[in-house]
């Protein structure tokens, strides 16, 4: 039988400043993938990660 989906979920984090910033080093949007527990954190996750396009640490928010 197939296993049931667990509480852990794979999510994608996207840079919030790449969309609106025209002074980028390169064109593009920084994305990271990670896992979260949907029972402990039901709301959207936001972390500070390094964006290679902005060349600095920026906030990355969870997208669909």
N, C-alpha and C. Protein backbone atom coordinates (compact mmCIF):
# COMPACT_ATOMS: atom_id res chain seq x y z
N UNK A 1 0.82 -1.18 0.00
CA UNK A 1 0.00 0.00 0.00
C UNK A 1 0.87 1.25 0.00
N UNK A 2 0.31 2.31 -0.50
CA UNK A 2 1.02 3.58 -0.55
C UNK A 2 1.05 4.24 0.81
N UNK A 3 2.14 4.94 1.08
CA UNK A 3 2.25 5.66 2.35
C UNK A 3 1.45 6.95 2.28
N UNK A 4 0.93 7.36 3.40
CA UNK A 4 0.17 8.62 3.48
C UNK A 4 1.15 9.78 3.46
N UNK A 5 0.70 10.93 2.99
CA UNK A 5 1.53 12.13 3.02
C UNK A 5 1.80 12.49 4.46
N UNK A 6 3.02 12.83 4.74
CA UNK A 6 3.38 13.21 6.10
C UNK A 6 3.06 14.66 6.36
N UNK A 7 3.49 15.14 7.52
CA UNK A 7 3.26 16.53 7.86
C UNK A 7 4.32 17.44 7.25
N UNK A 8 5.43 16.86 6.79
CA UNK A 8 6.49 17.65 6.17
C UNK A 8 6.13 17.95 4.72
N UNK A 9 6.39 19.17 4.31
CA UNK A 9 5.99 19.66 3.01
C UNK A 9 7.18 20.36 2.35
N UNK A 10 7.44 20.13 1.06
CA UNK A 10 8.50 20.83 0.34
C UNK A 10 7.94 22.16 -0.14
N UNK A 11 8.64 23.25 0.22
CA UNK A 11 8.19 24.59 -0.16
C UNK A 11 9.29 25.30 -0.94
N UNK A 12 8.93 26.37 -1.64
CA UNK A 12 9.88 27.19 -2.40
C UNK A 12 9.90 28.58 -1.79
N UNK A 13 11.12 29.09 -1.55
CA UNK A 13 11.30 30.44 -1.03
C UNK A 13 11.83 31.32 -2.17
N UNK A 14 11.22 32.50 -2.35
CA UNK A 14 11.60 33.40 -3.44
C UNK A 14 11.98 34.76 -2.88
N UNK A 15 13.00 35.39 -3.46
CA UNK A 15 13.48 36.70 -3.03
C UNK A 15 12.40 37.74 -3.27
N UNK A 16 12.15 38.58 -2.26
CA UNK A 16 11.11 39.60 -2.38
C UNK A 16 11.62 40.86 -3.08
N UNK A 17 12.93 41.07 -3.08
CA UNK A 17 13.47 42.30 -3.65
C UNK A 17 13.85 42.17 -5.13
N UNK A 18 13.98 40.97 -5.63
CA UNK A 18 14.36 40.79 -7.04
C UNK A 18 13.26 41.24 -7.99
N UNK A 19 12.02 41.11 -7.61
CA UNK A 19 10.90 41.49 -8.47
C UNK A 19 10.86 43.00 -8.71
N UNK A 20 11.15 43.78 -7.66
CA UNK A 20 11.00 45.23 -7.76
C UNK A 20 12.32 45.98 -7.95
N UNK A 21 13.45 45.30 -7.84
CA UNK A 21 14.76 45.96 -7.90
C UNK A 21 15.29 45.97 -9.33
N UNK A 22 15.56 47.16 -9.86
CA UNK A 22 16.13 47.28 -11.21
C UNK A 22 17.66 47.31 -11.18
N UNK A 23 18.25 47.62 -10.03
CA UNK A 23 19.71 47.71 -9.90
C UNK A 23 20.30 46.37 -9.48
N UNK A 24 20.03 45.33 -10.25
CA UNK A 24 20.52 44.00 -9.93
C UNK A 24 21.85 43.74 -10.61
N UNK A 25 22.60 42.82 -10.05
CA UNK A 25 23.85 42.41 -10.66
C UNK A 25 23.58 41.63 -11.94
N UNK A 26 22.58 40.75 -11.90
CA UNK A 26 22.13 39.94 -13.05
C UNK A 26 20.62 39.97 -13.06
N UNK A 27 20.04 39.60 -14.19
CA UNK A 27 18.58 39.49 -14.23
C UNK A 27 18.19 38.10 -13.78
N UNK A 28 17.13 38.01 -12.99
CA UNK A 28 16.65 36.72 -12.50
C UNK A 28 16.07 36.87 -11.11
N UNK A 29 15.56 35.75 -10.59
CA UNK A 29 14.96 35.72 -9.26
C UNK A 29 15.57 34.56 -8.50
N UNK A 30 16.01 34.82 -7.28
CA UNK A 30 16.63 33.79 -6.45
C UNK A 30 15.56 32.93 -5.81
N UNK A 31 15.72 31.61 -5.89
CA UNK A 31 14.77 30.67 -5.28
C UNK A 31 15.52 29.59 -4.53
N UNK A 32 14.99 29.23 -3.36
CA UNK A 32 15.51 28.13 -2.55
C UNK A 32 14.37 27.16 -2.28
N UNK A 33 14.69 25.89 -2.09
CA UNK A 33 13.69 24.92 -1.66
C UNK A 33 14.07 24.41 -0.28
N UNK A 34 13.06 24.15 0.53
CA UNK A 34 13.27 23.64 1.88
C UNK A 34 12.02 22.87 2.29
N UNK A 35 12.04 22.32 3.49
CA UNK A 35 10.88 21.59 4.01
C UNK A 35 10.40 22.27 5.27
N UNK A 36 9.08 22.20 5.51
CA UNK A 36 8.53 22.72 6.74
C UNK A 36 7.46 21.77 7.24
N UNK A 37 7.21 21.84 8.53
CA UNK A 37 6.17 21.04 9.15
C UNK A 37 4.88 21.83 9.12
N UNK A 38 3.88 21.33 8.43
CA UNK A 38 2.64 22.11 8.27
C UNK A 38 1.82 22.22 9.55
N UNK A 39 2.05 21.33 10.52
CA UNK A 39 1.34 21.44 11.79
C UNK A 39 1.93 22.55 12.67
N UNK A 40 3.25 22.65 12.69
CA UNK A 40 3.90 23.65 13.54
C UNK A 40 3.88 25.05 12.93
N UNK A 41 3.98 25.16 11.61
CA UNK A 41 4.00 26.47 10.95
C UNK A 41 2.98 26.49 9.82
N UNK A 42 1.71 26.72 10.13
CA UNK A 42 0.69 26.72 9.08
C UNK A 42 0.73 27.97 8.20
N UNK A 43 1.28 29.09 8.73
CA UNK A 43 1.35 30.30 7.92
C UNK A 43 2.59 30.28 7.03
N UNK A 44 2.70 31.26 6.15
CA UNK A 44 3.81 31.30 5.19
C UNK A 44 5.13 31.61 5.89
N UNK A 45 6.17 30.97 5.43
CA UNK A 45 7.49 31.09 6.03
C UNK A 45 8.26 32.22 5.37
N UNK A 46 9.07 32.95 6.15
CA UNK A 46 9.92 34.01 5.62
C UNK A 46 11.27 33.92 6.30
N UNK A 47 12.33 33.77 5.50
CA UNK A 47 13.69 33.63 6.02
C UNK A 47 14.62 34.58 5.31
N UNK A 48 15.73 34.94 5.98
CA UNK A 48 16.77 35.74 5.35
C UNK A 48 17.76 34.78 4.70
N UNK A 49 17.93 34.92 3.37
CA UNK A 49 18.84 34.06 2.62
C UNK A 49 19.68 34.96 1.71
N UNK A 50 20.80 34.42 1.19
CA UNK A 50 21.64 35.17 0.27
C UNK A 50 21.07 35.10 -1.13
N UNK A 51 20.91 36.25 -1.76
CA UNK A 51 20.42 36.33 -3.14
C UNK A 51 21.61 36.64 -4.04
N UNK A 52 21.92 35.74 -4.97
CA UNK A 52 23.07 35.97 -5.83
C UNK A 52 22.80 37.03 -6.89
N UNK A 53 21.53 37.37 -7.11
CA UNK A 53 21.20 38.41 -8.08
C UNK A 53 21.26 39.80 -7.46
N UNK A 54 20.87 39.93 -6.21
CA UNK A 54 20.97 41.20 -5.48
C UNK A 54 22.34 41.36 -4.82
N UNK A 55 23.08 40.27 -4.68
CA UNK A 55 24.41 40.23 -4.07
C UNK A 55 24.37 40.67 -2.60
N UNK A 56 23.32 40.27 -1.87
CA UNK A 56 23.20 40.57 -0.46
C UNK A 56 22.19 39.63 0.18
N UNK A 57 22.14 39.64 1.50
CA UNK A 57 21.14 38.85 2.22
C UNK A 57 19.82 39.60 2.21
N UNK A 58 18.77 38.94 1.73
CA UNK A 58 17.46 39.55 1.64
C UNK A 58 16.42 38.58 2.21
N UNK A 59 15.21 39.07 2.40
CA UNK A 59 14.16 38.20 2.91
C UNK A 59 13.56 37.41 1.75
N UNK A 60 13.36 36.13 1.98
CA UNK A 60 12.77 35.23 0.99
C UNK A 60 11.47 34.71 1.58
N UNK A 61 10.37 34.85 0.83
CA UNK A 61 9.06 34.40 1.29
C UNK A 61 8.63 33.15 0.55
N UNK A 62 7.79 32.39 1.22
CA UNK A 62 7.24 31.16 0.65
C UNK A 62 6.25 31.51 -0.47
N UNK A 63 6.37 30.79 -1.59
CA UNK A 63 5.43 30.94 -2.69
C UNK A 63 4.71 29.63 -2.89
N UNK A 64 3.67 29.63 -3.71
CA UNK A 64 2.90 28.41 -3.96
C UNK A 64 3.70 27.40 -4.73
